[in-house]
Amino acid sequence: MHLRRTTLGFLATLLALAACTDNTDNTGNEGGKGSSSASTDSTDGTSRSASPSLSASPTPSASPISGECGSVLPISALEQVMGIPVIGKTNFIVGTPEPDIDRISYLNCRYGLADAVAGQPEPVAQVEVGVSAYGSPGSASARVQGTVEAYRGQGATQSTVAVGAASGTLLIGSGEPTLVLAAGNKTVAVTVLSALLPADKRDAILSGIAQRALTGAGG
């Protein structure tokens, strides 16, 4: 499971250490082969560019992700969990299957992005959520474990957080707080800017986002 650069983007560099290039996976946030992206306004969620559908030919027990960011985790659901408005654009990346890592499909959603300014660093998303579907639960669990080990190798501490009936791993100390979990053949990674996470609500917010994303993806 893998992301990009900067504070949130630190995930890409870190996860690259675990199993990088196009085959890395922070539940699909790395923008793999054949991926495409589009941006939407958080006000209406209307896509500005078309993206390919998530398709594959999995067995019933290894279903692909069902939908895109607007249906998997709409901005209204995200704001309900967080209890605050998330202002800015939503950018999403839809990935194609990657048989070499047994990944059927992935979806990366970034919320609360400011407009890019020429000559300035890339805007950092307030919330980033990645969801991947694998050919088997074993493959999904292995990818999550690889991410946890990569974070620990960079000094992160880990703790267990309940996500519905599943258990996720909260990683603190290497970039922004990140929650990762595997449920069936799917994996989810949620990263939120620490400034938006009150200490007494941090775990509940991360868990709520992960659960909503997993449910929306057909998990």
C-alpha atoms as a PDB file:
ATOM      1  CA  MET A   1       0.000   0.000   0.000  1.00  0.00           C
ATOM      2  CA  HIS A   2       1.680   3.309  -1.037  1.00  0.00           C
ATOM      3  CA  LEU A   3       1.249   7.049  -1.555  1.00  0.00           C
ATOM      4  CA  ARG A   4       3.203  10.080  -2.781  1.00  0.00           C
ATOM      5  CA  ARG A   5       5.601  12.782  -1.460  1.00  0.00           C
ATOM      6  CA  THR A   6       5.491  15.749   1.041  1.00  0.00           C
ATOM      7  CA  THR A   7       4.050  15.181   4.499  1.00  0.00           C
ATOM      8  CA  LEU A   8       1.135  13.166   3.221  1.00  0.00           C
ATOM      9  CA  GLY A   9       3.261  12.372   0.206  1.00  0.00           C
ATOM     10  CA  PHE A  10       5.965  10.931   2.427  1.00  0.00           C
ATOM     11  CA  LEU A  11       4.009   7.714   2.082  1.00  0.00           C
ATOM     12  CA  ALA A  12       5.101   7.247  -1.514  1.00  0.00           C
ATOM     13  CA  THR A  13       8.774   7.424  -0.649  1.00  0.00           C
ATOM     14  CA  LEU A  14       8.367   5.222   2.381  1.00  0.00           C
ATOM     15  CA  LEU A  15       6.219   2.644   0.701  1.00  0.00           C
ATOM     16  CA  ALA A  16       8.602   2.592  -2.200  1.00  0.00           C
ATOM     17  CA  LEU A  17      11.087   1.115   0.235  1.00  0.00           C
ATOM     18  CA  ALA A  18       8.709  -1.775   0.856  1.00  0.00           C
ATOM     19  CA  ALA A  19       8.039  -2.756  -2.767  1.00  0.00           C
ATOM     20  CA  CYS A  20       8.127   0.286  -4.976  1.00  0.00           C
ATOM     21  CA  THR A  21       7.637   1.448  -8.562  1.00  0.00           C
ATOM     22  CA  ASP A  22       4.217   0.936 -10.117  1.00  0.00           C
ATOM     23  CA  ASN A  23       3.723  -2.162  -8.010  1.00  0.00           C
ATOM     24  CA  THR A  24       3.774  -0.425  -4.631  1.00  0.00           C
ATOM     25  CA  ASP A  25       0.507  -0.112  -2.827  1.00  0.00           C
ATOM     26  CA  ASN A  26      -0.910   2.020  -0.099  1.00  0.00           C
ATOM     27  CA  THR A  27      -4.167   0.450  -1.137  1.00  0.00           C
ATOM     28  CA  GLY A  28      -3.616   1.893  -4.544  1.00  0.00           C
ATOM     29  CA  ASN A  29      -2.495   5.440  -3.931  1.00  0.00           C
ATOM     30  CA  GLU A  30       0.610   5.258  -6.055  1.00  0.00           C
ATOM     31  CA  GLY A  31      -0.918   5.745  -9.489  1.00  0.00           C
ATOM     32  CA  GLY A  32      -0.010   2.517 -11.199  1.00  0.00           C
ATOM     33  CA  LYS A  33       0.213   1.426 -14.805  1.00  0.00           C
ATOM     34  CA  GLY A  34      -2.643   2.453 -17.026  1.00  0.00           C
ATOM     35  CA  SER A  35      -4.114   4.747 -14.385  1.00  0.00           C
ATOM     36  CA  SER A  36      -5.962   7.950 -15.061  1.00  0.00           C
ATOM     37  CA  SER A  37      -6.967  10.826 -12.845  1.00  0.00           C
ATOM     38  CA  ALA A  38      -9.663  13.445 -12.632  1.00  0.00           C
ATOM     39  CA  SER A  39     -10.533  16.352 -10.373  1.00  0.00           C
ATOM     40  CA  THR A  40     -13.864  17.399  -8.948  1.00  0.00           C
ATOM     41  CA  ASP A  41     -15.075  20.331  -6.897  1.00  0.00           C
ATOM     42  CA  SER A  42     -16.096  19.406  -3.380  1.00  0.00           C
ATOM     43  CA  THR A  43     -19.166  21.568  -3.855  1.00  0.00           C
ATOM     44  CA  ASP A  44     -20.840  19.399  -6.480  1.00  0.00           C
ATOM     45  CA  GLY A  45     -18.620  16.361  -7.035  1.00  0.00           C
ATOM     46  CA  THR A  46     -18.917  16.628 -10.813  1.00  0.00           C
ATOM     47  CA  SER A  47     -15.995  15.043 -12.616  1.00  0.00           C
ATOM     48  CA  ARG A  48     -14.035  17.259 -14.971  1.00  0.00           C
ATOM     49  CA  SER A  49     -12.621  14.382 -16.952  1.00  0.00           C
ATOM     50  CA  ALA A  50     -13.699  10.870 -17.698  1.00  0.00           C
ATOM     51  CA  SER A  51     -11.920   7.926 -16.159  1.00  0.00           C
ATOM     52  CA  PRO A  52     -12.017   4.236 -17.005  1.00  0.00           C
ATOM     53  CA  SER A  53     -14.283   1.992 -14.996  1.00  0.00           C
ATOM     54  CA  LEU A  54     -12.769  -0.428 -12.523  1.00  0.00           C
ATOM     55  CA  SER A  55     -13.071  -3.740 -14.281  1.00  0.00           C
ATOM     56  CA  ALA A  56     -11.658  -7.206 -13.927  1.00  0.00           C
ATOM     57  CA  SER A  57     -12.785 -10.820 -14.000  1.00  0.00           C
ATOM     58  CA  PRO A  58     -12.396 -11.906 -10.392  1.00  0.00           C
ATOM     59  CA  THR A  59     -14.130 -14.752  -8.633  1.00  0.00           C
ATOM     60  CA  PRO A  60     -17.119 -13.820  -6.438  1.00  0.00           C
ATOM     61  CA  SER A  61     -14.872 -13.986  -3.382  1.00  0.00           C
ATOM     62  CA  ALA A  62     -12.357 -11.622  -4.972  1.00  0.00           C
ATOM     63  CA  SER A  63     -14.521  -8.805  -6.257  1.00  0.00           C
ATOM     64  CA  PRO A  64     -13.022  -5.581  -7.637  1.00  0.00           C
ATOM     65  CA  ILE A  65     -13.716  -2.139  -6.210  1.00  0.00           C
ATOM     66  CA  SER A  66     -17.280  -1.081  -6.862  1.00  0.00           C
ATOM     67  CA  GLY A  67     -17.482   2.564  -7.955  1.00  0.00           C
ATOM     68  CA  GLU A  68     -15.260   5.643  -7.836  1.00  0.00           C
ATOM     69  CA  CYS A  69     -14.586   8.294  -5.194  1.00  0.00           C
ATOM     70  CA  GLY A  70     -17.951   9.981  -5.603  1.00  0.00           C
ATOM     71  CA  SER A  71     -19.758   6.770  -4.652  1.00  0.00           C
ATOM     72  CA  VAL A  72     -17.157   4.957  -2.556  1.00  0.00           C
ATOM     73  CA  LEU A  73     -16.569   7.934  -0.248  1.00  0.00           C
ATOM     74  CA  PRO A  74     -18.583  11.033  -1.215  1.00  0.00           C
ATOM     75  CA  ILE A  75     -17.476  14.322   0.286  1.00  0.00           C
ATOM     76  CA  SER A  76     -20.713  14.531   2.282  1.00  0.00           C
ATOM     77  CA  ALA A  77     -19.949  11.227   4.019  1.00  0.00           C
ATOM     78  CA  LEU A  78     -16.379  12.310   4.709  1.00  0.00           C
ATOM     79  CA  GLU A  79     -17.523  15.566   6.289  1.00  0.00           C
ATOM     80  CA  GLN A  80     -20.098  13.727   8.369  1.00  0.00           C
ATOM     81  CA  VAL A  81     -17.415  11.484   9.842  1.00  0.00           C
ATOM     82  CA  MET A  82     -14.972  14.335  10.438  1.00  0.00           C
ATOM     83  CA  GLY A  83     -17.551  16.781  11.723  1.00  0.00           C
ATOM     84  CA  ILE A  84     -16.043  19.659   9.740  1.00  0.00           C
ATOM     85  CA  PRO A  85     -16.270  20.890   6.142  1.00  0.00           C
ATOM     86  CA  VAL A  86     -13.521  19.735   3.787  1.00  0.00           C
ATOM     87  CA  ILE A  87     -12.919  22.651   1.456  1.00  0.00           C
ATOM     88  CA  GLY A  88     -11.128  22.237  -1.852  1.00  0.00           C
ATOM     89  CA  LYS A  89     -10.996  19.945  -4.840  1.00  0.00           C
ATOM     90  CA  THR A  90     -11.192  16.171  -4.946  1.00  0.00           C
ATOM     91  CA  ASN A  91      -8.666  14.376  -7.145  1.00  0.00           C
ATOM     92  CA  PHE A  92      -8.911  10.683  -7.917  1.00  0.00           C
ATOM     93  CA  ILE A  93      -6.805   8.083  -9.643  1.00  0.00           C
ATOM     94  CA  VAL A  94      -8.241   4.870 -11.065  1.00  0.00           C
ATOM     95  CA  GLY A  95      -5.763   2.075 -11.624  1.00  0.00           C
ATOM     96  CA  THR A  96      -5.755  -0.948 -13.900  1.00  0.00           C
ATOM     97  CA  PRO A  97      -5.221  -4.522 -12.686  1.00  0.00           C
ATOM     98  CA  GLU A  98      -1.634  -5.539 -11.890  1.00  0.00           C
ATOM     99  CA  PRO A  99      -1.333  -9.336 -11.953  1.00  0.00           C
ATOM    100  CA  ASP A 100       2.272  -9.327 -10.723  1.00  0.00           C
ATOM    101  CA  ILE A 101       1.089  -8.233  -7.265  1.00  0.00           C
ATOM    102  CA  ASP A 102      -2.305  -9.977  -7.548  1.00  0.00           C
ATOM    103  CA  ARG A 103      -4.100  -6.649  -7.544  1.00  0.00           C
ATOM    104  CA  ILE A 104      -7.454  -6.533  -9.311  1.00  0.00           C
ATOM    105  CA  SER A 105      -8.101  -2.796  -9.050  1.00  0.00           C
ATOM    106  CA  TYR A 106      -7.337   0.279  -6.994  1.00  0.00           C
ATOM    107  CA  LEU A 107      -8.733   3.715  -6.322  1.00  0.00           C
ATOM    108  CA  ASN A 108      -6.995   6.703  -4.754  1.00  0.00           C
ATOM    109  CA  CYS A 109      -9.069   9.646  -3.492  1.00  0.00           C
ATOM    110  CA  ARG A 110      -7.573  12.955  -2.322  1.00  0.00           C
ATOM    111  CA  TYR A 111      -9.843  15.510  -0.702  1.00  0.00           C
ATOM    112  CA  GLY A 112      -9.421  19.172   0.223  1.00  0.00           C
ATOM    113  CA  LEU A 113      -6.849  20.133  -2.378  1.00  0.00           C
ATOM    114  CA  ALA A 114      -6.108  23.811  -2.960  1.00  0.00           C
ATOM    115  CA  ASP A 115      -5.499  25.136  -6.477  1.00  0.00           C
ATOM    116  CA  ALA A 116      -1.979  24.563  -7.730  1.00  0.00           C
ATOM    117  CA  VAL A 117       0.204  27.667  -7.984  1.00  0.00           C
ATOM    118  CA  ALA A 118       3.046  27.844 -10.478  1.00  0.00           C
ATOM    119  CA  GLY A 119       6.422  27.712  -8.779  1.00  0.00           C
ATOM    120  CA  GLN A 120       4.934  26.534  -5.485  1.00  0.00           C
ATOM    121  CA  PRO A 121       4.993  23.039  -3.935  1.00  0.00           C
ATOM    122  CA  GLU A 122       2.207  20.685  -4.919  1.00  0.00           C
ATOM    123  CA  PRO A 123      -0.880  21.233  -2.722  1.00  0.00           C
ATOM    124  CA  VAL A 124      -1.241  18.675   0.052  1.00  0.00           C
ATOM    125  CA  ALA A 125      -4.565  16.894   0.449  1.00  0.00           C
ATOM    126  CA  GLN A 126      -6.317  17.258   3.772  1.00  0.00           C
ATOM    127  CA  VAL A 127      -7.485  13.660   3.512  1.00  0.00           C
ATOM    128  CA  GLU A 128      -6.181  10.831   1.332  1.00  0.00           C
ATOM    129  CA  VAL A 129      -7.859   7.462   1.025  1.00  0.00           C
ATOM    130  CA  GLY A 130      -6.663   4.494  -0.986  1.00  0.00           C
ATOM    131  CA  VAL A 131      -8.614   1.308  -1.624  1.00  0.00           C
ATOM    132  CA  SER A 132      -7.283  -1.771  -3.418  1.00  0.00           C
ATOM    133  CA  ALA A 133      -8.795  -5.132  -4.305  1.00  0.00           C
ATOM    134  CA  TYR A 134      -6.637  -8.250  -4.580  1.00  0.00           C
ATOM    135  CA  GLY A 135      -7.116 -11.727  -5.930  1.00  0.00           C
ATOM    136  CA  SER A 136      -7.257 -13.223  -2.441  1.00  0.00           C
ATOM    137  CA  PRO A 137      -7.480 -12.187   1.223  1.00  0.00           C
ATOM    138  CA  GLY A 138      -3.951 -13.499   1.678  1.00  0.00           C
ATOM    139  CA  SER A 139      -2.566 -11.098  -0.903  1.00  0.00           C
ATOM    140  CA  ALA A 140      -4.419  -8.205   0.723  1.00  0.00           C
ATOM    141  CA  SER A 141      -3.101  -9.052   4.187  1.00  0.00           C
ATOM    142  CA  ALA A 142       0.436  -9.385   2.865  1.00  0.00           C
ATOM    143  CA  ARG A 143       0.330  -5.896   1.341  1.00  0.00           C
ATOM    144  CA  VAL A 144      -0.891  -4.365   4.595  1.00  0.00           C
ATOM    145  CA  GLN A 145       1.814  -6.145   6.561  1.00  0.00           C
ATOM    146  CA  GLY A 146       4.438  -4.856   4.144  1.00  0.00           C
ATOM    147  CA  THR A 147       3.246  -1.311   4.691  1.00  0.00           C
ATOM    148  CA  VAL A 148       3.293  -1.682   8.469  1.00  0.00           C
ATOM    149  CA  GLU A 149       6.835  -3.034   8.369  1.00  0.00           C
ATOM    150  CA  ALA A 150       7.959  -0.191   6.110  1.00  0.00           C
ATOM    151  CA  TYR A 151       6.537   2.416   8.489  1.00  0.00           C
ATOM    152  CA  ARG A 152       8.094   0.734  11.510  1.00  0.00           C
ATOM    153  CA  GLY A 153      11.392   0.762   9.684  1.00  0.00           C
ATOM    154  CA  GLN A 154      11.094   4.551   9.521  1.00  0.00           C
ATOM    155  CA  GLY A 155      10.425   4.860  13.248  1.00  0.00           C
ATOM    156  CA  ALA A 156       6.624   4.751  13.318  1.00  0.00           C
ATOM    157  CA  THR A 157       4.778   3.261  16.255  1.00  0.00           C
ATOM    158  CA  GLN A 158       1.743   1.091  15.721  1.00  0.00           C
ATOM    159  CA  SER A 159      -1.471   0.412  17.592  1.00  0.00           C
ATOM    160  CA  THR A 160      -4.667  -1.470  16.868  1.00  0.00           C
ATOM    161  CA  VAL A 161      -7.876   0.388  16.018  1.00  0.00           C
ATOM    162  CA  ALA A 162     -11.253  -1.269  15.518  1.00  0.00           C
ATOM    163  CA  VAL A 163     -12.829  -0.629  12.108  1.00  0.00           C
ATOM    164  CA  GLY A 164     -16.291  -2.126  12.345  1.00  0.00           C
ATOM    165  CA  ALA A 165     -15.780  -5.856  12.777  1.00  0.00           C
ATOM    166  CA  ALA A 166     -12.221  -5.619  11.413  1.00  0.00           C
ATOM    167  CA  SER A 167      -8.989  -4.406  13.024  1.00  0.00           C
ATOM    168  CA  GLY A 168      -6.782  -1.744  11.517  1.00  0.00           C
ATOM    169  CA  THR A 169      -3.253  -0.638  12.313  1.00  0.00           C
ATOM    170  CA  LEU A 170      -2.675   2.999  13.206  1.00  0.00           C
ATOM    171  CA  LEU A 171       0.799   4.245  12.295  1.00  0.00           C
ATOM    172  CA  ILE A 172       2.104   7.338  14.044  1.00  0.00           C
ATOM    173  CA  GLY A 173       5.479   9.047  13.848  1.00  0.00           C
ATOM    174  CA  SER A 174       6.351   8.835  10.146  1.00  0.00           C
ATOM    175  CA  GLY A 175       4.423  11.541   8.376  1.00  0.00           C
ATOM    176  CA  GLU A 176       0.750  12.201   9.084  1.00  0.00           C
ATOM    177  CA  PRO A 177      -1.379   9.683  11.025  1.00  0.00           C
ATOM    178  CA  THR A 178      -2.253   6.749   8.789  1.00  0.00           C
ATOM    179  CA  LEU A 179      -4.642   3.855   9.354  1.00  0.00           C
ATOM    180  CA  VAL A 180      -4.273   0.696   7.256  1.00  0.00           C
ATOM    181  CA  LEU A 181      -6.281  -2.503   7.222  1.00  0.00           C
ATOM    182  CA  ALA A 182      -7.210  -5.547   5.199  1.00  0.00           C
ATOM    183  CA  ALA A 183     -10.770  -6.859   5.090  1.00  0.00           C
ATOM    184  CA  GLY A 184     -11.394  -9.838   2.873  1.00  0.00           C
ATOM    185  CA  ASN A 185      -9.645  -9.230  -0.449  1.00  0.00           C
ATOM    186  CA  LYS A 186      -9.608  -5.439  -0.027  1.00  0.00           C
ATOM    187  CA  THR A 187      -7.225  -3.037   1.677  1.00  0.00           C
ATOM    188  CA  VAL A 188      -7.800   0.518   2.840  1.00  0.00           C
ATOM    189  CA  ALA A 189      -5.343   3.251   3.830  1.00  0.00           C
ATOM    190  CA  VAL A 190      -6.506   6.545   5.339  1.00  0.00           C
ATOM    191  CA  THR A 191      -4.195   9.505   5.945  1.00  0.00           C
ATOM    192  CA  VAL A 192      -5.459  12.746   7.503  1.00  0.00           C
ATOM    193  CA  LEU A 193      -3.539  15.896   8.395  1.00  0.00           C
ATOM    194  CA  SER A 194      -2.887  15.786  12.127  1.00  0.00           C
ATOM    195  CA  ALA A 195      -4.146  19.363  12.469  1.00  0.00           C
ATOM    196  CA  LEU A 196      -7.622  18.058  11.591  1.00  0.00           C
ATOM    197  CA  LEU A 197      -7.544  15.254  14.149  1.00  0.00           C
ATOM    198  CA  PRO A 198      -8.355  16.234  17.757  1.00  0.00           C
ATOM    199  CA  ALA A 199      -6.481  13.873  20.052  1.00  0.00           C
ATOM    200  CA  ASP A 200      -9.645  12.520  21.645  1.00  0.00           C
ATOM    201  CA  LYS A 201     -11.289  11.874  18.264  1.00  0.00           C
ATOM    202  CA  ARG A 202      -8.335  10.795  16.132  1.00  0.00           C
ATOM    203  CA  ASP A 203      -8.928   7.051  16.206  1.00  0.00           C
ATOM    204  CA  ALA A 204     -12.688   7.372  15.751  1.00  0.00           C
ATOM    205  CA  ILE A 205     -12.316   9.676  12.754  1.00  0.00           C
ATOM    206  CA  LEU A 206      -9.743   7.509  10.990  1.00  0.00           C
ATOM    207  CA  SER A 207     -11.766   4.381  11.727  1.00  0.00           C
ATOM    208  CA  GLY A 208     -14.988   5.992  10.527  1.00  0.00           C
ATOM    209  CA  ILE A 209     -13.439   7.071   7.237  1.00  0.00           C
ATOM    210  CA  ALA A 210     -11.919   3.650   6.648  1.00  0.00           C
ATOM    211  CA  GLN A 211     -15.175   1.876   7.401  1.00  0.00           C
ATOM    212  CA  ARG A 212     -17.170   4.144   5.109  1.00  0.00           C
ATOM    213  CA  ALA A 213     -14.657   3.679   2.280  1.00  0.00           C
ATOM    214  CA  LEU A 214     -14.609  -0.085   2.707  1.00  0.00           C
ATOM    215  CA  THR A 215     -18.402  -0.283   2.689  1.00  0.00           C
ATOM    216  CA  GLY A 216     -18.623   1.994  -0.333  1.00  0.00           C
ATOM    217  CA  ALA A 217     -16.106  -0.146  -2.216  1.00  0.00           C
ATOM    218  CA  GLY A 218     -18.199  -3.238  -1.727  1.00  0.00           C
ATOM    219  CA  GLY A 219     -16.117  -4.637   1.118  1.00  0.00           C
END
